[in-house]
């Protein structure tokens, strides 16, 4: 090997080292960068609320570098619903080893405790699968609203805005469940089926899905922008107020509409209803 070849090899090794040190993501990326200094604080010790998705990768794993733009696009589309993070295991092998990750790319979903983590490994790599797995872990605190409990839902906790999703789907969208979870102490979220024709007519719903915000003393407001988490969050956040729970600030606000016996003309006395009747 001549001097020129040796120099060329050194340059290649140097650039490979620099690329590995830099990682795929930086402070300008929509993906939060993790390392050995912040992993525990940002991930393992912070699982009280929300869902975190961590991308464990190696610069030469044969997938991550080629699909960086795909993952960043995935992050932008799901901004706010999940907290997206990544860790370079070339730089932080001790963290990845502690997490039991040895093959890359490896995606791990960290839901709120006590739910266990969910993995998507290299052989099953797919953003579609990742989104499907994550959406199943979103806590659902929405309330099915019918003609029977509608008035209870609206009138309970006066002064607090209510959000109604009118839908044809039998399942509540993960996006809507995520909003309800993130505003768990400030707003109430109801789901109205298209079969509830009296309510559909009452709110003048002409197409589905439709989201309507009901603020006490004001006319119902229909959401009319592109449906994504960011737009809905901004639309709803204007009416969000912080509840004063005193010593119970960690408790969720509970709507009386979720208690069927409070909307019934002839409530049945059961173990659940005994405290209210």
C-alpha atoms as a PDB file:
ATOM      1  CA  UNK A   1       0.000   0.000   0.000  1.00  0.00           C
ATOM      2  CA  UNK A   2       1.539   3.302  -1.098  1.00  0.00           C
ATOM      3  CA  UNK A   3       1.491   6.594   0.769  1.00  0.00           C
ATOM      4  CA  UNK A   4      -1.496   7.926  -1.212  1.00  0.00           C
ATOM      5  CA  UNK A   5      -3.595   4.827  -0.454  1.00  0.00           C
ATOM      6  CA  UNK A   6      -2.715   5.058   3.243  1.00  0.00           C
ATOM      7  CA  UNK A   7      -3.720   8.738   3.284  1.00  0.00           C
ATOM      8  CA  UNK A   8      -6.993   7.954   1.501  1.00  0.00           C
ATOM      9  CA  UNK A   9      -7.775   5.173   3.971  1.00  0.00           C
ATOM     10  CA  UNK A  10      -7.086   7.501   6.897  1.00  0.00           C
ATOM     11  CA  UNK A  11      -9.452  10.113   5.422  1.00  0.00           C
ATOM     12  CA  UNK A  12     -12.189   7.508   4.984  1.00  0.00           C
ATOM     13  CA  UNK A  13     -11.761   6.294   8.568  1.00  0.00           C
ATOM     14  CA  UNK A  14     -11.744   9.876   9.849  1.00  0.00           C
ATOM     15  CA  UNK A  15     -14.988  10.757   8.041  1.00  0.00           C
ATOM     16  CA  UNK A  16     -16.601   7.538   9.248  1.00  0.00           C
ATOM     17  CA  UNK A  17     -15.591   8.415  12.799  1.00  0.00           C
ATOM     18  CA  UNK A  18     -16.922  11.960  12.493  1.00  0.00           C
ATOM     19  CA  UNK A  19     -20.227  10.702  11.070  1.00  0.00           C
ATOM     20  CA  UNK A  20     -20.565   8.227  13.909  1.00  0.00           C
ATOM     21  CA  UNK A  21     -19.765  10.907  16.498  1.00  0.00           C
ATOM     22  CA  UNK A  22     -22.250  13.345  15.043  1.00  0.00           C
ATOM     23  CA  UNK A  23     -25.142  10.900  14.733  1.00  0.00           C
ATOM     24  CA  UNK A  24     -28.174  11.065  12.474  1.00  0.00           C
ATOM     25  CA  UNK A  25     -30.009  13.798  14.349  1.00  0.00           C
ATOM     26  CA  UNK A  26     -29.031  17.144  15.860  1.00  0.00           C
ATOM     27  CA  UNK A  27     -30.703  20.101  17.591  1.00  0.00           C
ATOM     28  CA  UNK A  28     -32.362  21.191  14.332  1.00  0.00           C
ATOM     29  CA  UNK A  29     -34.204  17.884  13.967  1.00  0.00           C
ATOM     30  CA  UNK A  30     -37.784  17.170  15.041  1.00  0.00           C
ATOM     31  CA  UNK A  31     -36.337  14.098  16.753  1.00  0.00           C
ATOM     32  CA  UNK A  32     -34.992  14.643  20.290  1.00  0.00           C
ATOM     33  CA  UNK A  33     -31.410  13.440  20.726  1.00  0.00           C
ATOM     34  CA  UNK A  34     -30.714  11.133  23.671  1.00  0.00           C
ATOM     35  CA  UNK A  35     -27.404  10.217  25.253  1.00  0.00           C
ATOM     36  CA  UNK A  36     -26.050   8.648  28.438  1.00  0.00           C
ATOM     37  CA  UNK A  37     -26.484  11.941  30.292  1.00  0.00           C
ATOM     38  CA  UNK A  38     -30.182  12.484  29.635  1.00  0.00           C
ATOM     39  CA  UNK A  39     -31.646   9.042  28.820  1.00  0.00           C
ATOM     40  CA  UNK A  40     -32.752   8.194  32.343  1.00  0.00           C
ATOM     41  CA  UNK A  41     -34.229  11.649  33.003  1.00  0.00           C
ATOM     42  CA  UNK A  42     -36.020  11.902  29.650  1.00  0.00           C
ATOM     43  CA  UNK A  43     -37.194   8.293  29.300  1.00  0.00           C
ATOM     44  CA  UNK A  44     -36.961   5.702  32.057  1.00  0.00           C
ATOM     45  CA  UNK A  45     -37.734   8.054  34.964  1.00  0.00           C
ATOM     46  CA  UNK A  46     -40.369  10.085  33.137  1.00  0.00           C
ATOM     47  CA  UNK A  47     -43.224   7.721  32.350  1.00  0.00           C
ATOM     48  CA  UNK A  48     -46.083   9.304  34.264  1.00  0.00           C
ATOM     49  CA  UNK A  49     -47.904  10.472  31.172  1.00  0.00           C
ATOM     50  CA  UNK A  50     -47.818  10.255  27.396  1.00  0.00           C
ATOM     51  CA  UNK A  51     -45.992   7.892  25.073  1.00  0.00           C
ATOM     52  CA  UNK A  52     -42.341   8.050  24.099  1.00  0.00           C
ATOM     53  CA  UNK A  53     -40.877   6.314  21.052  1.00  0.00           C
ATOM     54  CA  UNK A  54     -37.118   5.774  21.022  1.00  0.00           C
ATOM     55  CA  UNK A  55     -35.123   4.911  17.897  1.00  0.00           C
ATOM     56  CA  UNK A  56     -31.996   2.934  18.869  1.00  0.00           C
ATOM     57  CA  UNK A  57     -29.588   2.931  15.947  1.00  0.00           C
ATOM     58  CA  UNK A  58     -26.071   2.393  14.702  1.00  0.00           C
ATOM     59  CA  UNK A  59     -24.634   4.503  11.888  1.00  0.00           C
ATOM     60  CA  UNK A  60     -23.880   1.368   9.874  1.00  0.00           C
ATOM     61  CA  UNK A  61     -26.995  -0.689  10.651  1.00  0.00           C
ATOM     62  CA  UNK A  62     -27.983  -0.556   6.983  1.00  0.00           C
ATOM     63  CA  UNK A  63     -31.428   0.969   7.569  1.00  0.00           C
ATOM     64  CA  UNK A  64     -31.436   4.036   9.824  1.00  0.00           C
ATOM     65  CA  UNK A  65     -29.241   6.319   7.721  1.00  0.00           C
ATOM     66  CA  UNK A  66     -31.200   5.512   4.549  1.00  0.00           C
ATOM     67  CA  UNK A  67     -34.554   6.137   6.241  1.00  0.00           C
ATOM     68  CA  UNK A  68     -33.671   9.209   8.320  1.00  0.00           C
ATOM     69  CA  UNK A  69     -35.929  11.461   6.232  1.00  0.00           C
ATOM     70  CA  UNK A  70     -38.784   8.926   6.513  1.00  0.00           C
ATOM     71  CA  UNK A  71     -38.562   8.891  10.305  1.00  0.00           C
ATOM     72  CA  UNK A  72     -38.419  12.690  10.510  1.00  0.00           C
ATOM     73  CA  UNK A  73     -41.504  12.876   8.288  1.00  0.00           C
ATOM     74  CA  UNK A  74     -43.196  10.338  10.564  1.00  0.00           C
ATOM     75  CA  UNK A  75     -42.318  12.559  13.534  1.00  0.00           C
ATOM     76  CA  UNK A  76     -43.746  15.692  11.888  1.00  0.00           C
ATOM     77  CA  UNK A  77     -47.023  13.956  11.025  1.00  0.00           C
ATOM     78  CA  UNK A  78     -47.428  12.718  14.598  1.00  0.00           C
ATOM     79  CA  UNK A  79     -46.055  15.808  16.342  1.00  0.00           C
ATOM     80  CA  UNK A  80     -47.499  16.169  19.805  1.00  0.00           C
ATOM     81  CA  UNK A  81     -49.144  12.755  19.932  1.00  0.00           C
ATOM     82  CA  UNK A  82     -45.936  10.980  20.818  1.00  0.00           C
ATOM     83  CA  UNK A  83     -42.542  12.172  21.999  1.00  0.00           C
ATOM     84  CA  UNK A  84     -40.031  10.986  19.408  1.00  0.00           C
ATOM     85  CA  UNK A  85     -36.423  10.394  20.441  1.00  0.00           C
ATOM     86  CA  UNK A  86     -33.295   8.676  19.143  1.00  0.00           C
ATOM     87  CA  UNK A  87     -30.022   7.428  20.578  1.00  0.00           C
ATOM     88  CA  UNK A  88     -26.799   6.651  18.739  1.00  0.00           C
ATOM     89  CA  UNK A  89     -25.675   3.305  20.151  1.00  0.00           C
ATOM     90  CA  UNK A  90     -22.206   3.703  18.597  1.00  0.00           C
ATOM     91  CA  UNK A  91     -21.658   6.608  20.981  1.00  0.00           C
ATOM     92  CA  UNK A  92     -23.710   5.290  23.900  1.00  0.00           C
ATOM     93  CA  UNK A  93     -23.218   1.495  23.941  1.00  0.00           C
ATOM     94  CA  UNK A  94     -23.628   1.326  27.719  1.00  0.00           C
ATOM     95  CA  UNK A  95     -27.148   2.797  27.573  1.00  0.00           C
ATOM     96  CA  UNK A  96     -28.256   0.507  24.757  1.00  0.00           C
ATOM     97  CA  UNK A  97     -26.766  -2.512  26.500  1.00  0.00           C
ATOM     98  CA  UNK A  98     -28.553  -1.599  29.744  1.00  0.00           C
ATOM     99  CA  UNK A  99     -31.827  -1.371  27.782  1.00  0.00           C
ATOM    100  CA  UNK A 100     -31.161  -4.823  26.335  1.00  0.00           C
ATOM    101  CA  UNK A 101     -30.859  -3.537  22.769  1.00  0.00           C
ATOM    102  CA  UNK A 102     -28.133  -5.132  20.653  1.00  0.00           C
ATOM    103  CA  UNK A 103     -29.513  -5.178  17.086  1.00  0.00           C
ATOM    104  CA  UNK A 104     -30.350  -2.065  15.104  1.00  0.00           C
ATOM    105  CA  UNK A 105     -32.511  -0.358  14.146  1.00  0.00           C
ATOM    106  CA  UNK A 106     -34.665  -1.019  17.163  1.00  0.00           C
ATOM    107  CA  UNK A 107     -37.740   1.011  18.091  1.00  0.00           C
ATOM    108  CA  UNK A 108     -39.056   0.866  21.625  1.00  0.00           C
ATOM    109  CA  UNK A 109     -42.348   2.387  22.745  1.00  0.00           C
ATOM    110  CA  UNK A 110     -42.424   3.581  26.362  1.00  0.00           C
ATOM    111  CA  UNK A 111     -46.074   4.086  27.463  1.00  0.00           C
ATOM    112  CA  UNK A 112     -47.073   5.543  30.815  1.00  0.00           C
ATOM    113  CA  UNK A 113     -46.643   3.228  33.792  1.00  0.00           C
ATOM    114  CA  UNK A 114     -47.703   0.569  34.602  1.00  0.00           C
ATOM    115  CA  UNK A 115     -47.928  -0.530  30.968  1.00  0.00           C
ATOM    116  CA  UNK A 116     -44.849  -2.440  29.749  1.00  0.00           C
ATOM    117  CA  UNK A 117     -42.658  -1.278  26.885  1.00  0.00           C
ATOM    118  CA  UNK A 118     -43.323  -2.560  23.358  1.00  0.00           C
ATOM    119  CA  UNK A 119     -40.567  -3.319  20.842  1.00  0.00           C
ATOM    120  CA  UNK A 120     -40.336  -3.222  17.077  1.00  0.00           C
ATOM    121  CA  UNK A 121     -37.115  -4.934  16.046  1.00  0.00           C
ATOM    122  CA  UNK A 122     -35.082  -4.865  12.861  1.00  0.00           C
ATOM    123  CA  UNK A 123     -36.783  -7.868  11.253  1.00  0.00           C
ATOM    124  CA  UNK A 124     -40.217  -6.265  11.698  1.00  0.00           C
ATOM    125  CA  UNK A 125     -39.219  -2.700  10.834  1.00  0.00           C
ATOM    126  CA  UNK A 126     -42.083  -0.584   9.459  1.00  0.00           C
ATOM    127  CA  UNK A 127     -43.422   2.887  10.334  1.00  0.00           C
ATOM    128  CA  UNK A 128     -46.946   1.633   9.688  1.00  0.00           C
ATOM    129  CA  UNK A 129     -46.473  -1.097  12.293  1.00  0.00           C
ATOM    130  CA  UNK A 130     -44.827   1.371  14.658  1.00  0.00           C
ATOM    131  CA  UNK A 131     -47.786   3.765  14.479  1.00  0.00           C
ATOM    132  CA  UNK A 132     -50.267   0.911  14.884  1.00  0.00           C
ATOM    133  CA  UNK A 133     -48.516  -0.390  17.992  1.00  0.00           C
ATOM    134  CA  UNK A 134     -48.200   3.085  19.525  1.00  0.00           C
ATOM    135  CA  UNK A 135     -51.832   4.006  18.876  1.00  0.00           C
ATOM    136  CA  UNK A 136     -53.027   0.941  20.793  1.00  0.00           C
ATOM    137  CA  UNK A 137     -51.227   2.198  23.896  1.00  0.00           C
ATOM    138  CA  UNK A 138     -52.953   5.593  24.067  1.00  0.00           C
ATOM    139  CA  UNK A 139     -55.138   5.801  27.176  1.00  0.00           C
ATOM    140  CA  UNK A 140     -58.795   6.387  26.304  1.00  0.00           C
ATOM    141  CA  UNK A 141     -60.607   8.783  28.643  1.00  0.00           C
ATOM    142  CA  UNK A 142     -63.247   9.852  26.131  1.00  0.00           C
ATOM    143  CA  UNK A 143     -66.929   9.359  26.943  1.00  0.00           C
ATOM    144  CA  UNK A 144     -69.569   7.918  24.620  1.00  0.00           C
ATOM    145  CA  UNK A 145     -72.227  10.626  24.380  1.00  0.00           C
ATOM    146  CA  UNK A 146     -75.871   9.812  23.604  1.00  0.00           C
ATOM    147  CA  UNK A 147     -79.182  11.598  23.861  1.00  0.00           C
ATOM    148  CA  UNK A 148     -79.436  10.214  27.396  1.00  0.00           C
ATOM    149  CA  UNK A 149     -76.232  11.612  28.930  1.00  0.00           C
ATOM    150  CA  UNK A 150     -75.585  14.616  26.635  1.00  0.00           C
ATOM    151  CA  UNK A 151     -77.089  17.237  28.948  1.00  0.00           C
ATOM    152  CA  UNK A 152     -75.248  15.788  31.934  1.00  0.00           C
ATOM    153  CA  UNK A 153     -71.993  15.937  29.981  1.00  0.00           C
ATOM    154  CA  UNK A 154     -72.462  19.578  28.941  1.00  0.00           C
ATOM    155  CA  UNK A 155     -73.822  20.867  32.254  1.00  0.00           C
ATOM    156  CA  UNK A 156     -71.398  19.037  34.541  1.00  0.00           C
ATOM    157  CA  UNK A 157     -68.374  21.117  35.645  1.00  0.00           C
ATOM    158  CA  UNK A 158     -69.887  24.409  34.438  1.00  0.00           C
ATOM    159  CA  UNK A 159     -67.250  26.830  33.221  1.00  0.00           C
ATOM    160  CA  UNK A 160     -65.206  24.081  31.582  1.00  0.00           C
ATOM    161  CA  UNK A 161     -65.328  23.616  27.824  1.00  0.00           C
ATOM    162  CA  UNK A 162     -66.409  20.279  26.328  1.00  0.00           C
ATOM    163  CA  UNK A 163     -65.185  18.751  23.069  1.00  0.00           C
ATOM    164  CA  UNK A 164     -67.400  16.542  20.908  1.00  0.00           C
ATOM    165  CA  UNK A 165     -66.245  14.261  18.104  1.00  0.00           C
ATOM    166  CA  UNK A 166     -69.022  13.289  15.679  1.00  0.00           C
ATOM    167  CA  UNK A 167     -67.940  10.163  13.848  1.00  0.00           C
ATOM    168  CA  UNK A 168     -69.011   7.222  11.704  1.00  0.00           C
ATOM    169  CA  UNK A 169     -66.197   5.052  13.011  1.00  0.00           C
ATOM    170  CA  UNK A 170     -66.902   2.476  15.754  1.00  0.00           C
ATOM    171  CA  UNK A 171     -63.418   3.131  17.164  1.00  0.00           C
ATOM    172  CA  UNK A 172     -62.131   6.357  18.691  1.00  0.00           C
ATOM    173  CA  UNK A 173     -59.131   7.702  16.708  1.00  0.00           C
ATOM    174  CA  UNK A 174     -55.791   7.581  18.524  1.00  0.00           C
ATOM    175  CA  UNK A 175     -55.323  11.281  17.770  1.00  0.00           C
ATOM    176  CA  UNK A 176     -58.513  12.169  19.660  1.00  0.00           C
ATOM    177  CA  UNK A 177     -57.658   9.849  22.552  1.00  0.00           C
ATOM    178  CA  UNK A 178     -54.229  11.475  22.803  1.00  0.00           C
ATOM    179  CA  UNK A 179     -55.811  14.934  23.032  1.00  0.00           C
ATOM    180  CA  UNK A 180     -58.183  13.745  25.755  1.00  0.00           C
ATOM    181  CA  UNK A 181     -55.275  12.257  27.668  1.00  0.00           C
ATOM    182  CA  UNK A 182     -53.116  15.380  27.400  1.00  0.00           C
ATOM    183  CA  UNK A 183     -55.967  17.641  28.568  1.00  0.00           C
ATOM    184  CA  UNK A 184     -57.047  15.224  31.293  1.00  0.00           C
ATOM    185  CA  UNK A 185     -57.329  17.888  34.007  1.00  0.00           C
ATOM    186  CA  UNK A 186     -58.756  20.732  31.972  1.00  0.00           C
ATOM    187  CA  UNK A 187     -61.320  19.615  29.385  1.00  0.00           C
ATOM    188  CA  UNK A 188     -63.818  16.827  28.730  1.00  0.00           C
ATOM    189  CA  UNK A 189     -63.969  14.848  25.489  1.00  0.00           C
ATOM    190  CA  UNK A 190     -67.066  13.097  24.184  1.00  0.00           C
ATOM    191  CA  UNK A 191     -67.655  10.863  21.162  1.00  0.00           C
ATOM    192  CA  UNK A 192     -70.989  11.001  19.328  1.00  0.00           C
ATOM    193  CA  UNK A 193     -71.954   8.315  16.822  1.00  0.00           C
ATOM    194  CA  UNK A 194     -73.652   9.272  13.564  1.00  0.00           C
ATOM    195  CA  UNK A 195     -76.587   7.142  14.765  1.00  0.00           C
ATOM    196  CA  UNK A 196     -77.353   9.779  17.429  1.00  0.00           C
ATOM    197  CA  UNK A 197     -79.415  11.695  14.877  1.00  0.00           C
ATOM    198  CA  UNK A 198     -80.945  14.120  17.378  1.00  0.00           C
ATOM    199  CA  UNK A 199     -77.496  15.305  18.460  1.00  0.00           C
ATOM    200  CA  UNK A 200     -76.224  15.402  14.889  1.00  0.00           C
ATOM    201  CA  UNK A 201     -79.147  17.678  14.024  1.00  0.00           C
ATOM    202  CA  UNK A 202     -78.746  19.752  17.189  1.00  0.00           C
ATOM    203  CA  UNK A 203     -75.146  20.663  16.294  1.00  0.00           C
ATOM    204  CA  UNK A 204     -75.785  21.004  12.566  1.00  0.00           C
ATOM    205  CA  UNK A 205     -73.258  18.348  11.619  1.00  0.00           C
ATOM    206  CA  UNK A 206     -73.309  17.768   7.858  1.00  0.00           C
ATOM    207  CA  UNK A 207     -70.166  15.687   7.387  1.00  0.00           C
ATOM    208  CA  UNK A 208     -68.055  13.272   9.406  1.00  0.00           C
ATOM    209  CA  UNK A 209     -65.800  13.364  11.231  1.00  0.00           C
ATOM    210  CA  UNK A 210     -66.558  16.727  12.816  1.00  0.00           C
ATOM    211  CA  UNK A 211     -65.149  18.195  16.021  1.00  0.00           C
ATOM    212  CA  UNK A 212     -67.184  20.746  17.936  1.00  0.00           C
ATOM    213  CA  UNK A 213     -66.055  22.705  20.970  1.00  0.00           C
ATOM    214  CA  UNK A 214     -68.798  23.704  23.410  1.00  0.00           C
ATOM    215  CA  UNK A 215     -67.937  26.552  25.754  1.00  0.00           C
ATOM    216  CA  UNK A 216     -70.467  27.573  28.418  1.00  0.00           C
ATOM    217  CA  UNK A 217     -72.227  30.796  27.463  1.00  0.00           C
ATOM    218  CA  UNK A 218     -70.925  30.695  23.897  1.00  0.00           C
ATOM    219  CA  UNK A 219     -72.031  29.204  20.582  1.00  0.00           C
ATOM    220  CA  UNK A 220     -70.549  25.795  19.664  1.00  0.00           C
ATOM    221  CA  UNK A 221     -67.443  26.203  17.522  1.00  0.00           C
ATOM    222  CA  UNK A 222     -66.661  23.766  14.700  1.00  0.00           C
ATOM    223  CA  UNK A 223     -63.083  22.835  13.863  1.00  0.00           C
ATOM    224  CA  UNK A 224     -62.533  23.663  10.193  1.00  0.00           C
ATOM    225  CA  UNK A 225     -58.796  23.206   9.542  1.00  0.00           C
ATOM    226  CA  UNK A 226     -56.735  20.241   8.378  1.00  0.00           C
ATOM    227  CA  UNK A 227     -57.129  17.442  10.896  1.00  0.00           C
ATOM    228  CA  UNK A 228     -53.835  16.812  12.631  1.00  0.00           C
ATOM    229  CA  UNK A 229     -52.744  16.836  16.242  1.00  0.00           C
ATOM    230  CA  UNK A 230     -50.966  20.186  16.073  1.00  0.00           C
ATOM    231  CA  UNK A 231     -53.958  22.060  14.608  1.00  0.00           C
ATOM    232  CA  UNK A 232     -56.443  20.429  16.978  1.00  0.00           C
ATOM    233  CA  UNK A 233     -54.232  21.078  19.982  1.00  0.00           C
ATOM    234  CA  UNK A 234     -54.019  24.794  19.174  1.00  0.00           C
ATOM    235  CA  UNK A 235     -57.778  24.995  18.528  1.00  0.00           C
ATOM    236  CA  UNK A 236     -58.630  23.353  21.849  1.00  0.00           C
ATOM    237  CA  UNK A 237     -55.853  24.843  23.974  1.00  0.00           C
ATOM    238  CA  UNK A 238     -57.406  28.316  23.795  1.00  0.00           C
ATOM    239  CA  UNK A 239     -60.215  27.046  26.028  1.00  0.00           C
ATOM    240  CA  UNK A 240     -58.087  24.974  28.354  1.00  0.00           C
ATOM    241  CA  UNK A 241     -58.002  26.096  31.973  1.00  0.00           C
ATOM    242  CA  UNK A 242     -56.012  24.601  34.813  1.00  0.00           C
ATOM    243  CA  UNK A 243     -58.187  22.976  37.477  1.00  0.00           C
ATOM    244  CA  UNK A 244     -57.482  23.787  41.097  1.00  0.00           C
ATOM    245  CA  UNK A 245     -57.444  20.417  42.812  1.00  0.00           C
ATOM    246  CA  UNK A 246     -55.864  21.607  46.038  1.00  0.00           C
ATOM    247  CA  UNK A 247     -54.062  18.634  47.552  1.00  0.00           C
ATOM    248  CA  UNK A 248     -55.344  16.329  44.782  1.00  0.00           C
ATOM    249  CA  UNK A 249     -53.699  18.049  41.808  1.00  0.00           C
ATOM    250  CA  UNK A 250     -52.654  14.724  40.306  1.00  0.00           C
ATOM    251  CA  UNK A 251     -56.202  13.450  39.947  1.00  0.00           C
ATOM    252  CA  UNK A 252     -58.095  13.414  36.658  1.00  0.00           C
ATOM    253  CA  UNK A 253     -61.291  15.421  36.416  1.00  0.00           C
ATOM    254  CA  UNK A 254     -64.216  12.988  36.137  1.00  0.00           C
ATOM    255  CA  UNK A 255     -67.352  13.854  34.182  1.00  0.00           C
ATOM    256  CA  UNK A 256     -70.709  12.831  35.614  1.00  0.00           C
ATOM    257  CA  UNK A 257     -71.623  11.697  32.080  1.00  0.00           C
ATOM    258  CA  UNK A 258     -69.244   8.763  32.498  1.00  0.00           C
ATOM    259  CA  UNK A 259     -71.486   7.543  35.342  1.00  0.00           C
ATOM    260  CA  UNK A 260     -74.559   6.167  33.607  1.00  0.00           C
ATOM    261  CA  UNK A 261     -76.617   6.109  36.822  1.00  0.00           C
ATOM    262  CA  UNK A 262     -76.460   9.918  37.082  1.00  0.00           C
ATOM    263  CA  UNK A 263     -78.181  10.291  33.694  1.00  0.00           C
ATOM    264  CA  UNK A 264     -80.799   7.601  34.302  1.00  0.00           C
ATOM    265  CA  UNK A 265     -84.370   8.345  35.417  1.00  0.00           C
ATOM    266  CA  UNK A 266     -84.352   5.140  37.461  1.00  0.00           C
ATOM    267  CA  UNK A 267     -80.740   4.604  38.577  1.00  0.00           C
ATOM    268  CA  UNK A 268     -79.789   1.167  39.871  1.00  0.00           C
ATOM    269  CA  UNK A 269     -78.020   0.964  43.202  1.00  0.00           C
ATOM    270  CA  UNK A 270     -74.742  -0.900  42.721  1.00  0.00           C
ATOM    271  CA  UNK A 271     -71.289  -0.919  44.294  1.00  0.00           C
ATOM    272  CA  UNK A 272     -70.194   1.701  41.730  1.00  0.00           C
ATOM    273  CA  UNK A 273     -73.213   3.986  42.102  1.00  0.00           C
ATOM    274  CA  UNK A 274     -73.616   3.722  45.892  1.00  0.00           C
ATOM    275  CA  UNK A 275     -71.407   6.733  46.619  1.00  0.00           C
ATOM    276  CA  UNK A 276     -73.454   9.012  44.341  1.00  0.00           C
ATOM    277  CA  UNK A 277     -76.985   7.817  45.142  1.00  0.00           C
END
